[in-house]
Amino acid sequence: MMRLYKILLGLYPYDFRSWFGAEMTAAFAKSAAACPPGWPYVRFTLAELAGLARGAAFEWIAKWTGDRLTRARYLPDWRMMRPAGIPREVFFAGPAAERERGGHRCSPDT
């Protein structure tokens, strides 16, 4: 059931998943473990999976229709944020600049 939950979690926008995915998965696993076997477990998982699909649809609608500057719907993309201590010119220089320097983007000699 956890595998299906993670697949449906993939329906959420990337920024939402990156911020809340691990917490949502842990909460589902903890609640599923506490649920008694049998019909209560089936009812719990069906309700959770339906809620997950519904929540994903609402998140996409909110993201598409919301103001782009609203931080709650457009969370920062961690893939584009440069690490502390790396100059902007070095981080965003690209592969050509790395080849010219002959080193890695995050090498300490830059």
C-alpha atoms as a PDB file:
ATOM      1  CA  MET A   1       0.000   0.000   0.000  1.00  0.00           C
ATOM      2  CA  MET A   2       2.927   2.316   0.702  1.00  0.00           C
ATOM      3  CA  ARG A   3       4.115   1.893  -2.881  1.00  0.00           C
ATOM      4  CA  LEU A   4       0.745   3.013  -4.241  1.00  0.00           C
ATOM      5  CA  TYR A   5       0.758   5.962  -1.833  1.00  0.00           C
ATOM      6  CA  LYS A   6       4.182   7.077  -3.111  1.00  0.00           C
ATOM      7  CA  ILE A   7       3.025   6.744  -6.723  1.00  0.00           C
ATOM      8  CA  LEU A   8      -0.011   8.939  -6.037  1.00  0.00           C
ATOM      9  CA  LEU A   9       2.203  11.376  -4.142  1.00  0.00           C
ATOM     10  CA  GLY A  10       4.031  11.804  -7.439  1.00  0.00           C
ATOM     11  CA  LEU A  11       0.906  13.499  -8.812  1.00  0.00           C
ATOM     12  CA  TYR A  12       1.605  16.559  -6.657  1.00  0.00           C
ATOM     13  CA  PRO A  13       3.639  19.465  -8.061  1.00  0.00           C
ATOM     14  CA  TYR A  14       7.398  19.084  -7.574  1.00  0.00           C
ATOM     15  CA  ASP A  15       7.745  22.003  -5.167  1.00  0.00           C
ATOM     16  CA  PHE A  16       4.961  20.679  -2.926  1.00  0.00           C
ATOM     17  CA  ARG A  17       6.433  17.154  -2.927  1.00  0.00           C
ATOM     18  CA  SER A  18       9.906  18.409  -2.102  1.00  0.00           C
ATOM     19  CA  TRP A  19       8.650  20.307   0.935  1.00  0.00           C
ATOM     20  CA  PHE A  20       5.961  17.966   2.289  1.00  0.00           C
ATOM     21  CA  GLY A  21       6.427  14.543   0.651  1.00  0.00           C
ATOM     22  CA  ALA A  22       8.584  12.938   3.343  1.00  0.00           C
ATOM     23  CA  GLU A  23       6.330  14.185   6.132  1.00  0.00           C
ATOM     24  CA  MET A  24       3.189  12.984   4.342  1.00  0.00           C
ATOM     25  CA  THR A  25       4.711   9.547   3.726  1.00  0.00           C
ATOM     26  CA  ALA A  26       5.803   9.205   7.355  1.00  0.00           C
ATOM     27  CA  ALA A  27       2.359  10.244   8.638  1.00  0.00           C
ATOM     28  CA  PHE A  28       0.645   7.746   6.340  1.00  0.00           C
ATOM     29  CA  ALA A  29       2.967   4.917   7.419  1.00  0.00           C
ATOM     30  CA  LYS A  30       2.435   5.698  11.104  1.00  0.00           C
ATOM     31  CA  SER A  31      -1.352   5.877  10.734  1.00  0.00           C
ATOM     32  CA  ALA A  32      -1.486   2.707   8.638  1.00  0.00           C
ATOM     33  CA  ALA A  33       0.542   0.817  11.252  1.00  0.00           C
ATOM     34  CA  ALA A  34      -1.846   1.939  14.006  1.00  0.00           C
ATOM     35  CA  CYS A  35      -4.962   0.927  12.054  1.00  0.00           C
ATOM     36  CA  PRO A  36      -6.485  -2.470  12.949  1.00  0.00           C
ATOM     37  CA  PRO A  37      -6.419  -5.104  10.178  1.00  0.00           C
ATOM     38  CA  GLY A  38      -9.461  -5.971   8.144  1.00  0.00           C
ATOM     39  CA  TRP A  39     -12.215  -3.661   7.019  1.00  0.00           C
ATOM     40  CA  PRO A  40     -11.015  -0.629   9.058  1.00  0.00           C
ATOM     41  CA  TYR A  41      -7.626  -0.823   7.309  1.00  0.00           C
ATOM     42  CA  VAL A  42      -9.239  -1.069   3.869  1.00  0.00           C
ATOM     43  CA  ARG A  43     -11.531   1.860   4.631  1.00  0.00           C
ATOM     44  CA  PHE A  44      -8.592   3.904   5.958  1.00  0.00           C
ATOM     45  CA  THR A  45      -6.386   3.274   2.922  1.00  0.00           C
ATOM     46  CA  LEU A  46      -9.173   3.976   0.415  1.00  0.00           C
ATOM     47  CA  ALA A  47      -9.988   7.251   2.164  1.00  0.00           C
ATOM     48  CA  GLU A  48      -6.318   8.265   2.305  1.00  0.00           C
ATOM     49  CA  LEU A  49      -5.623   7.414  -1.330  1.00  0.00           C
ATOM     50  CA  ALA A  50      -8.753   9.245  -2.493  1.00  0.00           C
ATOM     51  CA  GLY A  51      -7.781  12.233  -0.360  1.00  0.00           C
ATOM     52  CA  LEU A  52      -4.277  12.171  -1.792  1.00  0.00           C
ATOM     53  CA  ALA A  53      -5.568  12.238  -5.384  1.00  0.00           C
ATOM     54  CA  ARG A  54      -8.049  14.999  -4.528  1.00  0.00           C
ATOM     55  CA  GLY A  55      -5.360  17.030  -2.774  1.00  0.00           C
ATOM     56  CA  ALA A  56      -3.040  16.713  -5.777  1.00  0.00           C
ATOM     57  CA  ALA A  57      -5.770  18.020  -8.080  1.00  0.00           C
ATOM     58  CA  PHE A  58      -6.415  20.981  -5.778  1.00  0.00           C
ATOM     59  CA  GLU A  59      -2.702  21.788  -5.532  1.00  0.00           C
ATOM     60  CA  TRP A  60      -2.341  21.875  -9.316  1.00  0.00           C
ATOM     61  CA  ILE A  61      -5.431  24.068  -9.665  1.00  0.00           C
ATOM     62  CA  ALA A  62      -4.133  26.414  -6.982  1.00  0.00           C
ATOM     63  CA  LYS A  63      -0.728  26.540  -8.651  1.00  0.00           C
ATOM     64  CA  TRP A  64      -2.159  27.263 -12.119  1.00  0.00           C
ATOM     65  CA  THR A  65      -4.706  29.852 -10.993  1.00  0.00           C
ATOM     66  CA  GLY A  66      -2.826  31.481  -8.129  1.00  0.00           C
ATOM     67  CA  ASP A  67      -0.640  34.548  -8.271  1.00  0.00           C
ATOM     68  CA  ARG A  68       2.897  33.586  -9.283  1.00  0.00           C
ATOM     69  CA  LEU A  69       4.338  35.691  -6.476  1.00  0.00           C
ATOM     70  CA  THR A  70       2.388  33.850  -3.793  1.00  0.00           C
ATOM     71  CA  ARG A  71       5.062  31.887  -1.967  1.00  0.00           C
ATOM     72  CA  ALA A  72       2.661  29.276  -0.615  1.00  0.00           C
ATOM     73  CA  ARG A  73       1.950  27.976  -4.114  1.00  0.00           C
ATOM     74  CA  TYR A  74       5.328  28.558  -5.739  1.00  0.00           C
ATOM     75  CA  LEU A  75       7.854  27.278  -3.289  1.00  0.00           C
ATOM     76  CA  PRO A  76      11.531  27.820  -4.055  1.00  0.00           C
ATOM     77  CA  ASP A  77      13.140  25.290  -6.367  1.00  0.00           C
ATOM     78  CA  TRP A  78      16.047  23.833  -4.389  1.00  0.00           C
ATOM     79  CA  ARG A  79      17.671  22.679  -7.622  1.00  0.00           C
ATOM     80  CA  MET A  80      18.205  26.311  -8.668  1.00  0.00           C
ATOM     81  CA  MET A  81      19.370  27.705  -5.328  1.00  0.00           C
ATOM     82  CA  ARG A  82      23.104  28.124  -5.093  1.00  0.00           C
ATOM     83  CA  PRO A  83      24.877  26.804  -1.990  1.00  0.00           C
ATOM     84  CA  ALA A  84      26.235  29.218   0.581  1.00  0.00           C
ATOM     85  CA  GLY A  85      29.792  30.309  -0.111  1.00  0.00           C
ATOM     86  CA  ILE A  86      29.615  29.724  -3.875  1.00  0.00           C
ATOM     87  CA  PRO A  87      29.734  33.016  -5.810  1.00  0.00           C
ATOM     88  CA  ARG A  88      26.842  33.709  -8.147  1.00  0.00           C
ATOM     89  CA  GLU A  89      29.139  34.038 -11.161  1.00  0.00           C
ATOM     90  CA  VAL A  90      30.663  30.625 -10.505  1.00  0.00           C
ATOM     91  CA  PHE A  91      27.422  28.753  -9.785  1.00  0.00           C
ATOM     92  CA  PHE A  92      25.510  30.080 -12.781  1.00  0.00           C
ATOM     93  CA  ALA A  93      28.474  30.130 -15.186  1.00  0.00           C
ATOM     94  CA  GLY A  94      27.586  26.801 -16.759  1.00  0.00           C
ATOM     95  CA  PRO A  95      29.599  23.889 -18.147  1.00  0.00           C
ATOM     96  CA  ALA A  96      31.673  26.007 -20.564  1.00  0.00           C
ATOM     97  CA  ALA A  97      33.138  28.046 -17.705  1.00  0.00           C
ATOM     98  CA  GLU A  98      33.875  24.849 -15.790  1.00  0.00           C
ATOM     99  CA  ARG A  99      35.828  23.446 -18.718  1.00  0.00           C
ATOM    100  CA  GLU A 100      37.791  26.699 -19.033  1.00  0.00           C
ATOM    101  CA  ARG A 101      38.702  26.610 -15.345  1.00  0.00           C
ATOM    102  CA  GLY A 102      39.490  22.916 -15.588  1.00  0.00           C
ATOM    103  CA  GLY A 103      37.706  22.128 -12.365  1.00  0.00           C
ATOM    104  CA  HIS A 104      34.408  21.342 -10.755  1.00  0.00           C
ATOM    105  CA  ARG A 105      31.752  23.991 -10.158  1.00  0.00           C
ATOM    106  CA  CYS A 106      32.216  23.785  -6.389  1.00  0.00           C
ATOM    107  CA  SER A 107      35.990  23.455  -6.250  1.00  0.00           C
ATOM    108  CA  PRO A 108      37.570  25.456  -3.421  1.00  0.00           C
ATOM    109  CA  ASP A 109      40.151  27.090  -5.689  1.00  0.00           C
ATOM    110  CA  THR A 110      37.520  29.329  -7.349  1.00  0.00           C
END
